[in-house]
PDB file of N, CA and C in Angstrom:
ATOM      1  N   MET A   1      14.842 -16.854 -37.904  1.00  0.00           N
ATOM      2  CA  MET A   1      15.857 -16.362 -36.993  1.00  0.00           C
ATOM      3  C   MET A   1      15.508 -14.953 -36.473  1.00  0.00           C
ATOM      4  N   LYS A   2      15.018 -14.063 -37.390  1.00  0.00           N
ATOM      5  CA  LYS A   2      14.708 -12.712 -36.938  1.00  0.00           C
ATOM      6  C   LYS A   2      13.557 -12.714 -35.940  1.00  0.00           C
ATOM      7  N   TYR A   3      12.641 -13.695 -35.993  1.00  0.00           N
ATOM      8  CA  TYR A   3      11.534 -13.761 -35.047  1.00  0.00           C
ATOM      9  C   TYR A   3      12.028 -14.139 -33.649  1.00  0.00           C
ATOM     10  N   ALA A   4      13.081 -14.939 -33.594  1.00  0.00           N
ATOM     11  CA  ALA A   4      13.656 -15.307 -32.293  1.00  0.00           C
ATOM     12  C   ALA A   4      14.214 -14.067 -31.601  1.00  0.00           C
ATOM     13  N   PHE A   5      14.885 -13.203 -32.367  1.00  0.00           N
ATOM     14  CA  PHE A   5      15.428 -11.985 -31.788  1.00  0.00           C
ATOM     15  C   PHE A   5      14.321 -11.010 -31.401  1.00  0.00           C
ATOM     16  N   ALA A   6      13.265 -10.962 -32.188  1.00  0.00           N
ATOM     17  CA  ALA A   6      12.127 -10.094 -31.848  1.00  0.00           C
ATOM     18  C   ALA A   6      11.522 -10.529 -30.518  1.00  0.00           C
ATOM     19  N   GLY A   7      11.432 -11.825 -30.299  1.00  0.00           N
ATOM     20  CA  GLY A   7      10.913 -12.343 -29.030  1.00  0.00           C
ATOM     21  C   GLY A   7      11.799 -11.957 -27.869  1.00  0.00           C
ATOM     22  N   LEU A   8      13.106 -12.011 -28.083  1.00  0.00           N
ATOM     23  CA  LEU A   8      14.037 -11.618 -27.028  1.00  0.00           C
ATOM     24  C   LEU A   8      13.905 -10.140 -26.706  1.00  0.00           C
ATOM     25  N   GLY A   9      13.677  -9.303 -27.730  1.00  0.00           N
ATOM     26  CA  GLY A   9      13.487  -7.877 -27.504  1.00  0.00           C
ATOM     27  C   GLY A   9      12.263  -7.618 -26.647  1.00  0.00           C
ATOM     28  N   ALA A  10      11.183  -8.324 -26.930  1.00  0.00           N
ATOM     29  CA  ALA A  10       9.955  -8.159 -26.147  1.00  0.00           C
ATOM     30  C   ALA A  10      10.180  -8.598 -24.707  1.00  0.00           C
ATOM     31  N   LEU A  11      10.919  -9.683 -24.530  1.00  0.00           N
ATOM     32  CA  LEU A  11      11.218 -10.137 -23.174  1.00  0.00           C
ATOM     33  C   LEU A  11      12.071  -9.112 -22.436  1.00  0.00           C
ATOM     34  N   GLY A  12      13.003  -8.485 -23.149  1.00  0.00           N
ATOM     35  CA  GLY A  12      13.845  -7.471 -22.523  1.00  0.00           C
ATOM     36  C   GLY A  12      13.041  -6.275 -22.055  1.00  0.00           C
ATOM     37  N   VAL A  13      12.108  -5.822 -22.887  1.00  0.00           N
ATOM     38  CA  VAL A  13      11.255  -4.693 -22.512  1.00  0.00           C
ATOM     39  C   VAL A  13      10.380  -5.078 -21.327  1.00  0.00           C
ATOM     40  N   ALA A  14       9.791  -6.271 -21.362  1.00  0.00           N
ATOM     41  CA  ALA A  14       8.958  -6.717 -20.238  1.00  0.00           C
ATOM     42  C   ALA A  14       9.777  -6.797 -18.956  1.00  0.00           C
ATOM     43  N   GLY A  15      11.010  -7.270 -19.069  1.00  0.00           N
ATOM     44  CA  GLY A  15      11.877  -7.344 -17.892  1.00  0.00           C
ATOM     45  C   GLY A  15      12.200  -5.980 -17.324  1.00  0.00           C
ATOM     46  N   MET A  16      12.450  -5.001 -18.206  1.00  0.00           N
ATOM     47  CA  MET A  16      12.747  -3.652 -17.738  1.00  0.00           C
ATOM     48  C   MET A  16      11.533  -3.037 -17.050  1.00  0.00           C
ATOM     49  N   ILE A  17      10.350  -3.276 -17.601  1.00  0.00           N
ATOM     50  CA  ILE A  17       9.134  -2.751 -16.976  1.00  0.00           C
ATOM     51  C   ILE A  17       8.944  -3.381 -15.607  1.00  0.00           C
ATOM     52  N   PHE A  18       9.163  -4.690 -15.492  1.00  0.00           N
ATOM     53  CA  PHE A  18       9.027  -5.376 -14.205  1.00  0.00           C
ATOM     54  C   PHE A  18      10.020  -4.810 -13.193  1.00  0.00           C
ATOM     55  N   ILE A  19      11.263  -4.627 -13.615  1.00  0.00           N
ATOM     56  CA  ILE A  19      12.282  -4.102 -12.699  1.00  0.00           C
ATOM     57  C   ILE A  19      11.915  -2.683 -12.272  1.00  0.00           C
ATOM     58  N   ALA A  20      11.499  -1.845 -13.218  1.00  0.00           N
ATOM     59  CA  ALA A  20      11.121  -0.465 -12.890  1.00  0.00           C
ATOM     60  C   ALA A  20       9.950  -0.437 -11.918  1.00  0.00           C
ATOM     61  N   SER A  21       8.947  -1.292 -12.135  1.00  0.00           N
ATOM     62  CA  SER A  21       7.795  -1.295 -11.228  1.00  0.00           C
ATOM     63  C   SER A  21       8.186  -1.840  -9.863  1.00  0.00           C
ATOM     64  N   SER A  22       9.121  -2.772  -9.812  1.00  0.00           N
ATOM     65  CA  SER A  22       9.576  -3.306  -8.529  1.00  0.00           C
ATOM     66  C   SER A  22      10.305  -2.234  -7.731  1.00  0.00           C
ATOM     67  N   VAL A  23      11.159  -1.478  -8.403  1.00  0.00           N
ATOM     68  CA  VAL A  23      11.902  -0.415  -7.726  1.00  0.00           C
ATOM     69  C   VAL A  23      10.930   0.643  -7.218  1.00  0.00           C
ATOM     70  N   THR A  24       9.962   1.013  -8.046  1.00  0.00           N
ATOM     71  CA  THR A  24       8.970   2.007  -7.640  1.00  0.00           C
ATOM     72  C   THR A  24       8.197   1.516  -6.431  1.00  0.00           C
ATOM     73  N   SER A  25       7.765   0.261  -6.443  1.00  0.00           N
ATOM     74  CA  SER A  25       7.005  -0.281  -5.324  1.00  0.00           C
ATOM     75  C   SER A  25       7.828  -0.285  -4.045  1.00  0.00           C
ATOM     76  N   GLU A  26       9.107  -0.676  -4.151  1.00  0.00           N
ATOM     77  CA  GLU A  26       9.958  -0.706  -2.966  1.00  0.00           C
ATOM     78  C   GLU A  26      10.153   0.689  -2.398  1.00  0.00           C
ATOM     79  N   SER A  27      10.387   1.681  -3.272  1.00  0.00           N
ATOM     80  CA  SER A  27      10.614   3.032  -2.768  1.00  0.00           C
ATOM     81  C   SER A  27       9.331   3.601  -2.179  1.00  0.00           C
ATOM     82  N   ALA A  28       8.173   3.233  -2.744  1.00  0.00           N
ATOM     83  CA  ALA A  28       6.901   3.705  -2.198  1.00  0.00           C
ATOM     84  C   ALA A  28       6.654   3.089  -0.826  1.00  0.00           C
ATOM     85  N   GLN A  29       7.062   1.833  -0.631  1.00  0.00           N
ATOM     86  CA  GLN A  29       6.872   1.185   0.660  1.00  0.00           C
ATOM     87  C   GLN A  29       7.750   1.825   1.728  1.00  0.00           C
ATOM     88  N   ALA A  30       8.942   2.258   1.340  1.00  0.00           N
ATOM     89  CA  ALA A  30       9.861   2.858   2.301  1.00  0.00           C
ATOM     90  C   ALA A  30       9.495   4.313   2.590  1.00  0.00           C
ATOM     91  N   ALA A  31       8.605   4.862   1.788  1.00  0.00           N
ATOM     92  CA  ALA A  31       8.240   6.269   1.924  1.00  0.00           C
ATOM     93  C   ALA A  31       7.335   6.496   3.128  1.00  0.00           C
ATOM     94  N   ASP A  32       7.381   7.702   3.623  1.00  0.00           N
ATOM     95  CA  ASP A  32       6.506   8.137   4.707  1.00  0.00           C
ATOM     96  C   ASP A  32       5.342   8.895   4.068  1.00  0.00           C
ATOM     97  N   LEU A  33       4.211   8.197   3.908  1.00  0.00           N
ATOM     98  CA  LEU A  33       3.059   8.793   3.232  1.00  0.00           C
ATOM     99  C   LEU A  33       2.475   9.964   4.014  1.00  0.00           C
ATOM    100  N   ASN A  34       2.548   9.924   5.333  1.00  0.00           N
ATOM    101  CA  ASN A  34       2.060  11.053   6.134  1.00  0.00           C
ATOM    102  C   ASN A  34       2.893  12.307   5.874  1.00  0.00           C
ATOM    103  N   ASN A  35       4.214  12.128   5.807  1.00  0.00           N
ATOM    104  CA  ASN A  35       5.089  13.255   5.476  1.00  0.00           C
ATOM    105  C   ASN A  35       4.824  13.721   4.047  1.00  0.00           C
ATOM    106  N   GLY A  36       4.664  12.776   3.130  1.00  0.00           N
ATOM    107  CA  GLY A  36       4.380  13.121   1.741  1.00  0.00           C
ATOM    108  C   GLY A  36       3.109  13.943   1.613  1.00  0.00           C
ATOM    109  N   GLN A  37       2.075  13.536   2.327  1.00  0.00           N
ATOM    110  CA  GLN A  37       0.813  14.268   2.290  1.00  0.00           C
ATOM    111  C   GLN A  37       0.985  15.677   2.868  1.00  0.00           C
ATOM    112  N   ALA A  38       1.640  15.768   4.011  1.00  0.00           N
ATOM    113  CA  ALA A  38       1.831  17.069   4.655  1.00  0.00           C
ATOM    114  C   ALA A  38       2.659  18.000   3.768  1.00  0.00           C
ATOM    115  N   GLN A  39       3.753  17.489   3.204  1.00  0.00           N
ATOM    116  CA  GLN A  39       4.605  18.320   2.347  1.00  0.00           C
ATOM    117  C   GLN A  39       3.873  18.722   1.067  1.00  0.00           C
ATOM    118  N   PHE A  40       3.114  17.781   0.497  1.00  0.00           N
ATOM    119  CA  PHE A  40       2.346  18.073  -0.715  1.00  0.00           C
ATOM    120  C   PHE A  40       1.321  19.167  -0.445  1.00  0.00           C
ATOM    121  N   GLN A  41       0.581  19.025   0.646  1.00  0.00           N
ATOM    122  CA  GLN A  41      -0.457  20.011   0.961  1.00  0.00           C
ATOM    123  C   GLN A  41       0.151  21.386   1.241  1.00  0.00           C
ATOM    124  N   THR A  42       1.309  21.419   1.844  1.00  0.00           N
ATOM    125  CA  THR A  42       1.963  22.683   2.178  1.00  0.00           C
ATOM    126  C   THR A  42       2.625  23.336   0.974  1.00  0.00           C
ATOM    127  N   ASN A  43       3.277  22.554   0.128  1.00  0.00           N
ATOM    128  CA  ASN A  43       4.135  23.117  -0.909  1.00  0.00           C
ATOM    129  C   ASN A  43       3.652  22.954  -2.351  1.00  0.00           C
ATOM    130  N   CYS A  44       2.725  22.054  -2.608  1.00  0.00           N
ATOM    131  CA  CYS A  44       2.410  21.694  -3.995  1.00  0.00           C
ATOM    132  C   CYS A  44       0.937  21.868  -4.385  1.00  0.00           C
ATOM    133  N   GLN A  45       0.062  21.597  -3.432  1.00  0.00           N
ATOM    134  CA  GLN A  45      -1.364  21.483  -3.726  1.00  0.00           C
ATOM    135  C   GLN A  45      -1.972  22.745  -4.336  1.00  0.00           C
ATOM    136  N   VAL A  46      -1.548  23.911  -3.911  1.00  0.00           N
ATOM    137  CA  VAL A  46      -2.152  25.160  -4.399  1.00  0.00           C
ATOM    138  C   VAL A  46      -2.003  25.288  -5.918  1.00  0.00           C
ATOM    139  N   CYS A  47      -0.927  24.780  -6.478  1.00  0.00           N
ATOM    140  CA  CYS A  47      -0.729  24.835  -7.933  1.00  0.00           C
ATOM    141  C   CYS A  47      -1.113  23.522  -8.613  1.00  0.00           C
ATOM    142  N   HIS A  48      -0.726  22.408  -8.009  1.00  0.00           N
ATOM    143  CA  HIS A  48      -0.900  21.107  -8.655  1.00  0.00           C
ATOM    144  C   HIS A  48      -2.238  20.433  -8.343  1.00  0.00           C
ATOM    145  N   GLY A  49      -3.032  20.984  -7.429  1.00  0.00           N
ATOM    146  CA  GLY A  49      -4.353  20.426  -7.147  1.00  0.00           C
ATOM    147  C   GLY A  49      -4.331  19.275  -6.157  1.00  0.00           C
ATOM    148  N   ASN A  50      -5.519  18.829  -5.766  1.00  0.00           N
ATOM    149  CA  ASN A  50      -5.665  17.804  -4.726  1.00  0.00           C
ATOM    150  C   ASN A  50      -4.994  16.479  -5.059  1.00  0.00           C
ATOM    151  N   LYS A  51      -4.948  16.116  -6.337  1.00  0.00           N
ATOM    152  CA  LYS A  51      -4.371  14.830  -6.729  1.00  0.00           C
ATOM    153  C   LYS A  51      -3.089  14.976  -7.536  1.00  0.00           C
ATOM    154  N   GLY A  52      -2.604  16.212  -7.677  1.00  0.00           N
ATOM    155  CA  GLY A  52      -1.367  16.431  -8.426  1.00  0.00           C
ATOM    156  C   GLY A  52      -1.574  16.539  -9.922  1.00  0.00           C
ATOM    157  N   TRP A  53      -2.786  16.864 -10.359  1.00  0.00           N
ATOM    158  CA  TRP A  53      -3.113  16.892 -11.785  1.00  0.00           C
ATOM    159  C   TRP A  53      -2.834  18.240 -12.453  1.00  0.00           C
ATOM    160  N   GLY A  54      -2.314  19.197 -11.709  1.00  0.00           N
ATOM    161  CA  GLY A  54      -2.012  20.500 -12.284  1.00  0.00           C
ATOM    162  C   GLY A  54      -3.201  21.441 -12.337  1.00  0.00           C
ATOM    163  N   ASN A  55      -4.210  21.141 -11.524  1.00  0.00           N
ATOM    164  CA  ASN A  55      -5.453  21.916 -11.572  1.00  0.00           C
ATOM    165  C   ASN A  55      -5.774  22.587 -10.237  1.00  0.00           C
ATOM    166  N   GLY A  56      -4.754  23.019  -9.529  1.00  0.00           N
ATOM    167  CA  GLY A  56      -4.969  23.687  -8.247  1.00  0.00           C
ATOM    168  C   GLY A  56      -5.558  25.076  -8.434  1.00  0.00           C
ATOM    169  N   PRO A  57      -6.027  25.692  -7.355  1.00  0.00           N
ATOM    170  CA  PRO A  57      -6.667  26.995  -7.457  1.00  0.00           C
ATOM    171  C   PRO A  57      -5.763  28.087  -8.039  1.00  0.00           C
ATOM    172  N   ALA A  58      -4.475  27.999  -7.839  1.00  0.00           N
ATOM    173  CA  ALA A  58      -3.557  29.009  -8.379  1.00  0.00           C
ATOM    174  C   ALA A  58      -3.267  28.784  -9.864  1.00  0.00           C
ATOM    175  N   ALA A  59      -3.551  27.601 -10.379  1.00  0.00           N
ATOM    176  CA  ALA A  59      -3.216  27.259 -11.762  1.00  0.00           C
ATOM    177  C   ALA A  59      -3.945  28.133 -12.775  1.00  0.00           C
ATOM    178  N   ALA A  60      -5.166  28.521 -12.478  1.00  0.00           N
ATOM    179  CA  ALA A  60      -5.971  29.293 -13.429  1.00  0.00           C
ATOM    180  C   ALA A  60      -5.312  30.614 -13.809  1.00  0.00           C
ATOM    181  N   GLY A  61      -4.611  31.223 -12.891  1.00  0.00           N
ATOM    182  CA  GLY A  61      -3.993  32.513 -13.157  1.00  0.00           C
ATOM    183  C   GLY A  61      -2.553  32.437 -13.618  1.00  0.00           C
ATOM    184  N   MET A  62      -2.064  31.247 -13.892  1.00  0.00           N
ATOM    185  CA  MET A  62      -0.654  31.097 -14.269  1.00  0.00           C
ATOM    186  C   MET A  62      -0.493  31.030 -15.787  1.00  0.00           C
ATOM    187  N   GLN A  63       0.531  31.717 -16.283  1.00  0.00           N
ATOM    188  CA  GLN A  63       0.823  31.664 -17.717  1.00  0.00           C
ATOM    189  C   GLN A  63       1.332  30.269 -18.090  1.00  0.00           C
ATOM    190  N   GLU A  64       2.246  29.733 -17.294  1.00  0.00           N
ATOM    191  CA  GLU A  64       2.780  28.382 -17.492  1.00  0.00           C
ATOM    192  C   GLU A  64       1.993  27.449 -16.568  1.00  0.00           C
ATOM    193  N   LYS A  65       1.191  26.572 -17.134  1.00  0.00           N
ATOM    194  CA  LYS A  65       0.335  25.703 -16.331  1.00  0.00           C
ATOM    195  C   LYS A  65       1.162  24.661 -15.575  1.00  0.00           C
ATOM    196  N   PRO A  66       0.799  24.378 -14.335  1.00  0.00           N
ATOM    197  CA  PRO A  66       1.509  23.362 -13.550  1.00  0.00           C
ATOM    198  C   PRO A  66       1.395  21.985 -14.190  1.00  0.00           C
ATOM    199  N   ALA A  67       2.409  21.190 -13.989  1.00  0.00           N
ATOM    200  CA  ALA A  67       2.436  19.838 -14.549  1.00  0.00           C
ATOM    201  C   ALA A  67       1.456  18.927 -13.835  1.00  0.00           C
ATOM    202  N   ASN A  68       0.997  17.914 -14.548  1.00  0.00           N
ATOM    203  CA  ASN A  68       0.236  16.823 -13.963  1.00  0.00           C
ATOM    204  C   ASN A  68       1.281  15.851 -13.411  1.00  0.00           C
ATOM    205  N   ILE A  69       1.560  15.963 -12.121  1.00  0.00           N
ATOM    206  CA  ILE A  69       2.615  15.159 -11.496  1.00  0.00           C
ATOM    207  C   ILE A  69       2.276  13.675 -11.572  1.00  0.00           C
ATOM    208  N   SER A  70       1.020  13.335 -11.359  1.00  0.00           N
ATOM    209  CA  SER A  70       0.611  11.938 -11.403  1.00  0.00           C
ATOM    210  C   SER A  70       0.924  11.324 -12.761  1.00  0.00           C
ATOM    211  N   LYS A  71       0.620  12.045 -13.813  1.00  0.00           N
ATOM    212  CA  LYS A  71       0.881  11.557 -15.172  1.00  0.00           C
ATOM    213  C   LYS A  71       2.383  11.385 -15.395  1.00  0.00           C
ATOM    214  N   LYS A  72       3.164  12.362 -14.937  1.00  0.00           N
ATOM    215  CA  LYS A  72       4.618  12.275 -15.105  1.00  0.00           C
ATOM    216  C   LYS A  72       5.206  11.094 -14.326  1.00  0.00           C
ATOM    217  N   LEU A  73       4.670  10.851 -13.121  1.00  0.00           N
ATOM    218  CA  LEU A  73       5.181   9.744 -12.308  1.00  0.00           C
ATOM    219  C   LEU A  73       4.878   8.387 -12.933  1.00  0.00           C
ATOM    220  N   ASN A  74       3.878   8.330 -13.781  1.00  0.00           N
ATOM    221  CA  ASN A  74       3.495   7.075 -14.426  1.00  0.00           C
ATOM    222  C   ASN A  74       3.968   6.978 -15.868  1.00  0.00           C
ATOM    223  N   SER A  75       4.799   7.912 -16.293  1.00  0.00           N
ATOM    224  CA  SER A  75       5.303   7.916 -17.656  1.00  0.00           C
ATOM    225  C   SER A  75       6.589   7.102 -17.753  1.00  0.00           C
ATOM    226  N   ILE A  76       6.701   6.332 -18.821  1.00  0.00           N
ATOM    227  CA  ILE A  76       7.949   5.580 -19.028  1.00  0.00           C
ATOM    228  C   ILE A  76       9.067   6.503 -19.499  1.00  0.00           C
ATOM    229  N   PHE A  77       8.712   7.748 -19.840  1.00  0.00           N
ATOM    230  CA  PHE A  77       9.692   8.701 -20.334  1.00  0.00           C
ATOM    231  C   PHE A  77      10.266   9.593 -19.236  1.00  0.00           C
ATOM    232  N   GLN A  78       9.799   9.441 -18.004  1.00  0.00           N
ATOM    233  CA  GLN A  78      10.270  10.232 -16.869  1.00  0.00           C
ATOM    234  C   GLN A  78      10.822   9.292 -15.799  1.00  0.00           C
ATOM    235  N   THR A  79      11.779   9.772 -15.056  1.00  0.00           N
ATOM    236  CA  THR A  79      12.279   9.017 -13.911  1.00  0.00           C
ATOM    237  C   THR A  79      12.058   9.848 -12.656  1.00  0.00           C
ATOM    238  N   ASP A  80      11.971   9.176 -11.533  1.00  0.00           N
ATOM    239  CA  ASP A  80      11.850   9.898 -10.271  1.00  0.00           C
ATOM    240  C   ASP A  80      13.056  10.806 -10.059  1.00  0.00           C
ATOM    241  N   ALA A  81      14.231  10.346 -10.483  1.00  0.00           N
ATOM    242  CA  ALA A  81      15.446  11.151 -10.305  1.00  0.00           C
ATOM    243  C   ALA A  81      15.346  12.459 -11.093  1.00  0.00           C
ATOM    244  N   LYS A  82      14.867  12.392 -12.327  1.00  0.00           N
ATOM    245  CA  LYS A  82      14.723  13.606 -13.154  1.00  0.00           C
ATOM    246  C   LYS A  82      13.651  14.518 -12.566  1.00  0.00           C
ATOM    247  N   LEU A  83      12.532  13.939 -12.136  1.00  0.00           N
ATOM    248  CA  LEU A  83      11.470  14.752 -11.550  1.00  0.00           C
ATOM    249  C   LEU A  83      11.930  15.394 -10.243  1.00  0.00           C
ATOM    250  N   THR A  84      12.709  14.664  -9.459  1.00  0.00           N
ATOM    251  CA  THR A  84      13.260  15.225  -8.218  1.00  0.00           C
ATOM    252  C   THR A  84      14.178  16.394  -8.540  1.00  0.00           C
ATOM    253  N   GLN A  85      14.991  16.236  -9.572  1.00  0.00           N
ATOM    254  CA  GLN A  85      15.884  17.315 -10.002  1.00  0.00           C
ATOM    255  C   GLN A  85      15.064  18.545 -10.398  1.00  0.00           C
ATOM    256  N   ASP A  86      13.954  18.327 -11.094  1.00  0.00           N
ATOM    257  CA  ASP A  86      13.086  19.446 -11.493  1.00  0.00           C
ATOM    258  C   ASP A  86      12.500  20.159 -10.271  1.00  0.00           C
ATOM    259  N   VAL A  87      12.073  19.381  -9.284  1.00  0.00           N
ATOM    260  CA  VAL A  87      11.495  19.973  -8.070  1.00  0.00           C
ATOM    261  C   VAL A  87      12.561  20.761  -7.315  1.00  0.00           C
ATOM    262  N   MET A  88      13.715  20.171  -7.150  1.00  0.00           N
ATOM    263  CA  MET A  88      14.768  20.814  -6.371  1.00  0.00           C
ATOM    264  C   MET A  88      15.331  22.054  -7.081  1.00  0.00           C
ATOM    265  N   GLY A  89      15.463  21.978  -8.414  1.00  0.00           N
ATOM    266  CA  GLY A  89      16.066  23.068  -9.156  1.00  0.00           C
ATOM    267  C   GLY A  89      15.079  24.069  -9.735  1.00  0.00           C
ATOM    268  N   GLY A  90      13.801  23.704  -9.756  1.00  0.00           N
ATOM    269  CA  GLY A  90      12.789  24.568 -10.333  1.00  0.00           C
ATOM    270  C   GLY A  90      12.693  24.401 -11.836  1.00  0.00           C
ATOM    271  N   LYS A  91      11.602  24.888 -12.372  1.00  0.00           N
ATOM    272  CA  LYS A  91      11.353  24.860 -13.817  1.00  0.00           C
ATOM    273  C   LYS A  91      10.649  26.153 -14.178  1.00  0.00           C
ATOM    274  N   THR A  92      10.439  26.391 -15.452  1.00  0.00           N
ATOM    275  CA  THR A  92       9.711  27.580 -15.880  1.00  0.00           C
ATOM    276  C   THR A  92       8.357  27.615 -15.184  1.00  0.00           C
ATOM    277  N   GLY A  93       8.110  28.660 -14.440  1.00  0.00           N
ATOM    278  CA  GLY A  93       6.841  28.803 -13.737  1.00  0.00           C
ATOM    279  C   GLY A  93       6.800  28.152 -12.366  1.00  0.00           C
ATOM    280  N   MET A  94       7.820  27.372 -12.019  1.00  0.00           N
ATOM    281  CA  MET A  94       7.849  26.707 -10.714  1.00  0.00           C
ATOM    282  C   MET A  94       9.155  27.050 -10.001  1.00  0.00           C
ATOM    283  N   PRO A  95       9.066  27.508  -8.760  1.00  0.00           N
ATOM    284  CA  PRO A  95      10.301  27.838  -8.037  1.00  0.00           C
ATOM    285  C   PRO A  95      11.076  26.593  -7.637  1.00  0.00           C
ATOM    286  N   ALA A  96      12.345  26.779  -7.350  1.00  0.00           N
ATOM    287  CA  ALA A  96      13.179  25.700  -6.826  1.00  0.00           C
ATOM    288  C   ALA A  96      12.801  25.442  -5.371  1.00  0.00           C
ATOM    289  N   PHE A  97      12.752  24.179  -5.006  1.00  0.00           N
ATOM    290  CA  PHE A  97      12.415  23.820  -3.628  1.00  0.00           C
ATOM    291  C   PHE A  97      13.621  23.306  -2.843  1.00  0.00           C
ATOM    292  N   LYS A  98      14.821  23.435  -3.433  1.00  0.00           N
ATOM    293  CA  LYS A  98      16.038  23.093  -2.699  1.00  0.00           C
ATOM    294  C   LYS A  98      16.139  24.041  -1.510  1.00  0.00           C
ATOM    295  N   GLY A  99      16.362  23.492  -0.342  1.00  0.00           N
ATOM    296  CA  GLY A  99      16.392  24.298   0.871  1.00  0.00           C
ATOM    297  C   GLY A  99      15.040  24.348   1.574  1.00  0.00           C
ATOM    298  N   VAL A 100      13.980  24.000   0.847  1.00  0.00           N
ATOM    299  CA  VAL A 100      12.641  23.928   1.429  1.00  0.00           C
ATOM    300  C   VAL A 100      12.275  22.467   1.662  1.00  0.00           C
ATOM    301  N   LEU A 101      12.525  21.649   0.637  1.00  0.00           N
ATOM    302  CA  LEU A 101      12.252  20.206   0.702  1.00  0.00           C
ATOM    303  C   LEU A 101      13.556  19.433   0.589  1.00  0.00           C
ATOM    304  N   SER A 102      13.626  18.317   1.289  1.00  0.00           N
ATOM    305  CA  SER A 102      14.761  17.403   1.109  1.00  0.00           C
ATOM    306  C   SER A 102      14.403  16.416  -0.002  1.00  0.00           C
ATOM    307  N   LYS A 103      15.393  15.692  -0.501  1.00  0.00           N
ATOM    308  CA  LYS A 103      15.116  14.663  -1.508  1.00  0.00           C
ATOM    309  C   LYS A 103      14.178  13.594  -0.937  1.00  0.00           C
ATOM    310  N   LYS A 104      14.310  13.318   0.351  1.00  0.00           N
ATOM    311  CA  LYS A 104      13.406  12.358   1.010  1.00  0.00           C
ATOM    312  C   LYS A 104      11.980  12.900   1.014  1.00  0.00           C
ATOM    313  N   ASP A 105      11.813  14.194   1.292  1.00  0.00           N
ATOM    314  CA  ASP A 105      10.484  14.806   1.235  1.00  0.00           C
ATOM    315  C   ASP A 105       9.878  14.640  -0.152  1.00  0.00           C
ATOM    316  N   VAL A 106      10.682  14.891  -1.186  1.00  0.00           N
ATOM    317  CA  VAL A 106      10.189  14.773  -2.560  1.00  0.00           C
ATOM    318  C   VAL A 106       9.788  13.327  -2.855  1.00  0.00           C
ATOM    319  N   ALA A 107      10.620  12.366  -2.423  1.00  0.00           N
ATOM    320  CA  ALA A 107      10.273  10.953  -2.611  1.00  0.00           C
ATOM    321  C   ALA A 107       8.974  10.618  -1.886  1.00  0.00           C
ATOM    322  N   ASP A 108       8.789  11.170  -0.692  1.00  0.00           N
ATOM    323  CA  ASP A 108       7.545  10.950   0.061  1.00  0.00           C
ATOM    324  C   ASP A 108       6.351  11.570  -0.667  1.00  0.00           C
ATOM    325  N   ILE A 109       6.542  12.756  -1.239  1.00  0.00           N
ATOM    326  CA  ILE A 109       5.476  13.405  -2.013  1.00  0.00           C
ATOM    327  C   ILE A 109       5.102  12.540  -3.209  1.00  0.00           C
ATOM    328  N   PHE A 110       6.096  12.050  -3.927  1.00  0.00           N
ATOM    329  CA  PHE A 110       5.818  11.197  -5.090  1.00  0.00           C
ATOM    330  C   PHE A 110       5.062   9.934  -4.671  1.00  0.00           C
ATOM    331  N   ALA A 111       5.477   9.334  -3.564  1.00  0.00           N
ATOM    332  CA  ALA A 111       4.790   8.131  -3.078  1.00  0.00           C
ATOM    333  C   ALA A 111       3.349   8.461  -2.686  1.00  0.00           C
ATOM    334  N   TYR A 112       3.151   9.600  -2.045  1.00  0.00           N
ATOM    335  CA  TYR A 112       1.805  10.028  -1.672  1.00  0.00           C
ATOM    336  C   TYR A 112       0.944  10.217  -2.918  1.00  0.00           C
ATOM    337  N   ILE A 113       1.460  10.904  -3.918  1.00  0.00           N
ATOM    338  CA  ILE A 113       0.695  11.126  -5.156  1.00  0.00           C
ATOM    339  C   ILE A 113       0.336   9.795  -5.816  1.00  0.00           C
ATOM    340  N   ARG A 114       1.289   8.879  -5.836  1.00  0.00           N
ATOM    341  CA  ARG A 114       0.994   7.544  -6.398  1.00  0.00           C
ATOM    342  C   ARG A 114      -0.109   6.851  -5.595  1.00  0.00           C
ATOM    343  N   SER A 115      -0.087   7.038  -4.280  1.00  0.00           N
ATOM    344  CA  SER A 115      -1.058   6.333  -3.431  1.00  0.00           C
ATOM    345  C   SER A 115      -2.487   6.867  -3.603  1.00  0.00           C
ATOM    346  N   ILE A 116      -2.641   8.122  -4.016  1.00  0.00           N
ATOM    347  CA  ILE A 116      -3.987   8.689  -4.175  1.00  0.00           C
ATOM    348  C   ILE A 116      -4.457   8.653  -5.635  1.00  0.00           C
ATOM    349  N   ASN A 117      -3.610   8.152  -6.508  1.00  0.00           N
ATOM    350  CA  ASN A 117      -3.942   8.015  -7.933  1.00  0.00           C
ATOM    351  C   ASN A 117      -3.690   6.575  -8.374  1.00  0.00           C
ATOM    352  N   PRO A 118      -4.546   5.664  -7.928  1.00  0.00           N
ATOM    353  CA  PRO A 118      -4.299   4.250  -8.264  1.00  0.00           C
ATOM    354  C   PRO A 118      -4.358   3.945  -9.754  1.00  0.00           C
TER     355      PRO A 118
END
């Protein structure tokens, strides 16, 4: 009996992963990758690097190293909503981009980063 429930748990996790990947794919399709690239290059690249790995030219001189955005976007422990909140509100070592970027811009940036980090 306990093995039947273990199987159901595995199916539940697989279903959640499928749903999460479907939502991510749909939002990436609706995104404007050209806008994402332009906003990323203007606002993020100097610290986060060409692919969002946290290795931009300004990163070397920073006490708090920039995050690897690509890694965070692919983590099961992070959500786009939480990462968007971090971008808009700022974090230690990173300024708030509320008033500079819209939530749509941030979604476009995330889609762009996903597209260049297969």
